[in-house]
Every structure is written in C-alpha cells, then in structure tokens.
Protein backbone atom coordinates (compact mmCIF):
# COMPACT_ATOMS: atom_id res chain seq x y z
CA UNK A 1 162.65 48.24 57.58
CA UNK A 2 166.25 48.21 58.76
CA UNK A 3 167.60 49.58 62.05
CA UNK A 4 169.55 52.33 60.33
CA UNK A 5 166.43 53.44 58.44
CA UNK A 6 165.29 55.09 61.67
CA UNK A 7 168.31 55.07 64.02
CA UNK A 8 170.87 57.60 62.82
CA UNK A 9 174.56 57.33 63.65
CA UNK A 10 174.26 60.52 65.71
CA UNK A 11 171.54 59.01 67.90
CA UNK A 12 173.60 56.04 69.08
CA UNK A 13 174.87 56.69 72.60
CA UNK A 14 177.76 54.48 73.67
CA UNK A 15 177.24 54.97 77.40
CA UNK A 16 173.99 56.52 78.50
CA UNK A 17 174.68 57.72 82.00
CA UNK A 18 171.27 57.69 83.63
CA UNK A 19 170.26 56.71 87.13
CA UNK A 20 166.72 55.77 86.12
CA UNK A 21 164.32 55.20 83.24
CA UNK A 22 163.15 58.83 83.06
CA UNK A 23 166.70 60.18 82.85
CA UNK A 24 167.53 57.63 80.14
CA UNK A 25 164.47 58.62 78.10
CA UNK A 26 165.34 62.33 78.44
CA UNK A 27 168.87 61.67 77.20
CA UNK A 28 167.66 59.67 74.19
CA UNK A 29 165.04 62.28 73.30
CA UNK A 30 167.70 65.01 73.49
CA UNK A 31 169.90 63.00 71.10
CA UNK A 32 166.97 62.80 68.67
CA UNK A 33 166.22 66.50 68.96
CA UNK A 34 169.86 67.43 68.37
CA UNK A 35 170.13 65.19 65.32
CA UNK A 36 166.71 65.72 63.71
CA UNK A 37 166.50 69.50 63.75
CA UNK A 38 163.81 69.50 61.02
CA UNK A 39 161.34 67.53 63.15
CA UNK A 40 158.90 69.35 65.46
CA UNK A 41 160.03 67.34 68.47
CA UNK A 42 159.23 68.77 71.89
CA UNK A 43 161.41 66.93 74.41
CA UNK A 44 159.14 67.29 77.44
CA UNK A 45 156.08 66.07 75.53
CA UNK A 46 158.03 63.17 74.03
CA UNK A 47 159.29 62.00 77.43
CA UNK A 48 155.76 62.31 78.87
CA UNK A 49 154.37 60.21 76.00
CA UNK A 50 157.04 57.56 76.55
CA UNK A 51 156.38 57.44 80.31
CA UNK A 52 152.63 57.24 79.68
CA UNK A 53 153.27 54.21 77.44
CA UNK A 54 155.42 52.66 80.19
CA UNK A 55 152.45 52.88 82.57
CA UNK A 56 150.40 50.73 80.16
CA UNK A 57 153.06 48.04 80.42
CA UNK A 58 156.80 47.94 80.75
CA UNK A 59 158.75 48.07 77.50
CA UNK A 60 161.51 46.11 79.19
CA UNK A 61 161.59 42.91 77.15
CA UNK A 62 163.99 40.96 79.29
CA UNK A 63 167.55 39.78 78.63
CA UNK A 64 168.79 43.35 79.19
CA UNK A 65 166.71 45.00 76.43
CA UNK A 66 164.03 47.70 76.53
CA UNK A 67 162.15 49.28 73.64
CA UNK A 68 160.37 52.39 74.90
CA UNK A 69 158.12 53.73 72.18
CA UNK A 70 155.35 56.24 71.64
CA UNK A 71 153.39 58.01 68.94
CA UNK A 72 153.92 61.77 68.82
CA UNK A 73 151.66 64.31 67.15
CA UNK A 74 153.31 66.29 64.37
CA UNK A 75 156.27 64.05 63.56
CA UNK A 76 157.01 63.59 59.86
CA UNK A 77 158.70 60.19 60.14
CA UNK A 78 159.66 57.44 62.55
CA UNK A 79 162.66 58.40 64.70
CA UNK A 80 164.85 56.08 66.68
CA UNK A 81 167.69 56.30 69.14
CA UNK A 82 169.82 53.73 70.92
CA UNK A 83 171.53 53.98 74.26
CA UNK A 84 173.70 51.48 76.06
CA UNK A 85 173.95 51.57 79.84
CA UNK A 86 177.01 49.95 81.32
CA UNK A 87 175.53 49.84 84.82
CA UNK A 88 171.96 48.99 83.83
CA UNK A 89 168.61 50.73 84.24
CA UNK A 90 165.47 49.40 85.91
CA UNK A 91 162.72 49.12 83.28
CA UNK A 92 160.66 46.62 85.28
CA UNK A 93 161.52 43.91 82.79
CA UNK A 94 159.65 40.61 83.21
CA UNK A 95 162.84 38.74 84.08
CA UNK A 96 163.72 41.31 86.77
CA UNK A 97 167.06 42.08 85.11
CA UNK A 98 168.42 45.58 84.57
CA UNK A 99 168.37 46.92 81.02
CA UNK A 100 171.64 47.64 79.23
CA UNK A 101 170.36 48.13 75.67
CA UNK A 102 167.64 50.74 75.12
CA UNK A 103 166.07 51.17 71.68
CA UNK A 104 163.68 54.14 71.61
CA UNK A 105 161.12 54.69 68.85
CA UNK A 106 158.94 57.76 68.25
CA UNK A 107 156.45 57.69 65.39
CA UNK A 108 153.79 59.93 63.85
CA UNK A 109 150.26 59.19 65.10
CA UNK A 110 149.01 58.51 61.58
CA UNK A 111 151.75 56.00 60.65
CA UNK A 112 151.07 52.87 62.67
CA UNK A 113 152.67 50.87 59.85
CA UNK A 114 156.14 52.40 60.28
CA UNK A 115 155.82 52.22 64.06
CA UNK A 116 155.18 48.47 63.89
CA UNK A 117 157.90 48.00 61.25
CA UNK A 118 160.47 49.75 63.46
CA UNK A 119 159.51 47.63 66.49
CA UNK A 120 159.67 44.47 64.37
CA UNK A 121 163.14 45.42 63.12
CA UNK A 122 164.38 45.83 66.69
CA UNK A 123 162.78 42.55 67.80
CA UNK A 124 164.37 40.66 64.91
CA UNK A 125 167.77 42.20 65.63
CA UNK A 126 167.84 41.42 69.36
CA UNK A 127 166.79 37.82 68.64
CA UNK A 128 169.88 37.27 66.48
CA UNK A 129 172.58 35.08 67.98
CA UNK A 130 175.21 37.15 69.80
CA UNK A 131 173.67 40.55 68.94
CA UNK A 132 173.04 41.50 72.58
CA UNK A 133 176.46 40.32 73.65
CA UNK A 134 178.24 42.19 70.82
CA UNK A 135 176.23 45.35 71.57
CA UNK A 136 177.20 45.19 75.24
CA UNK A 137 180.88 44.60 74.41
CA UNK A 138 181.26 47.25 71.68
CA UNK A 139 184.01 49.68 72.58
CA UNK A 140 182.53 52.78 70.92
CA UNK A 141 179.45 54.24 69.26
CA UNK A 142 181.22 53.59 65.96
CA UNK A 143 181.39 49.85 66.76
CA UNK A 144 177.70 49.92 67.70
CA UNK A 145 176.89 51.61 64.39
CA UNK A 146 178.94 48.98 62.53
CA UNK A 147 177.06 46.22 64.38
CA UNK A 148 173.75 47.76 63.28
CA UNK A 149 175.08 47.94 59.68
CA UNK A 150 176.04 44.28 59.81
CA UNK A 151 172.63 43.24 61.15
CA UNK A 152 170.92 45.33 58.46
CA UNK A 153 173.04 43.73 55.73
CA UNK A 154 172.35 40.22 57.03
CA UNK A 155 168.63 40.99 57.11
CA UNK A 156 168.75 42.25 53.52
CA UNK A 157 170.34 38.96 52.46
CA UNK A 158 167.64 37.00 54.27
CA UNK A 159 170.11 35.31 56.59
CA UNK A 160 168.29 35.69 59.72
C-alpha cells in the first residue's frame, strides 16, 4: 500500500495549529470528514477512539513523528490524514521530543489487513533518508503531496 492510497491531497494539512494532541486529532478528523463525505465518520467518536488508543501506549514514535490510529465501526475503507506542526505537539514520544509530523489512520474494524498495511507504509516512508527533513521543510501542502508522490513512486520501483 502506498501513502496516497489512503492519504488524499485534501487531507494534508501544511500547518496544523493545535496546542495539544487532542486539538491536533480533532483537526485531522475534521479534514477527513470534509474530504470523505461518503464515509459514516462521526468526528467525536473518532477522536475518542484515537485518544483511547493513545492511553494504551503513545503513538509518538520519536524523531518528531506520531502515528495516531484507531479502528472505527462502520467505515468502508482505511482513511488517512497528515498534519505538520511547525511548533510541535507533545505526544509523549519515547525520545521526549515534540512531534512535528502526524500521520493519522482510521480503519474499519473488520479490515485489520489494511490497517497494518497503512501503518507499514508510514513506517517505511519515515525511515527513508531525508523524508522527515523534507517534510518539515516543505513550503506548502502541495510540496508535501509531491513528497508523498515521490516516496510512493520510489517504493513502487523497489528503491527503498
């Protein structure tokens, strides 16, 4: 699975202005709801599911990246959103660093396979040399989208 298989251009937020994790998750869920009007996504329930997952263990990976994710009843497909925070958000990452790159994944309960595939795609992308740095330096959501396209193309060629 590629990043752009589940993260739509309209769900890439160049500068997510959020003071905390909850506000960031609300903003990303709202971007999903606005873009995926055919999905039965209830924002409050989605944010609650994401926060419940955070209580199990932080989705802050370290090195400025977090991947909040949850399974939501009634979804038809895996949905993703990306937000970049210029100031950083506390996700209780293991390295103690603030998070600047937030990849959010919501999946149907009965599709663990696509949930894992989406998380694997994100993990492979953030491990790529310079990906995190380029994502933090991108000047617009368009540049972020183009970075995701490039990573997807490199993955399809088996270069990484």
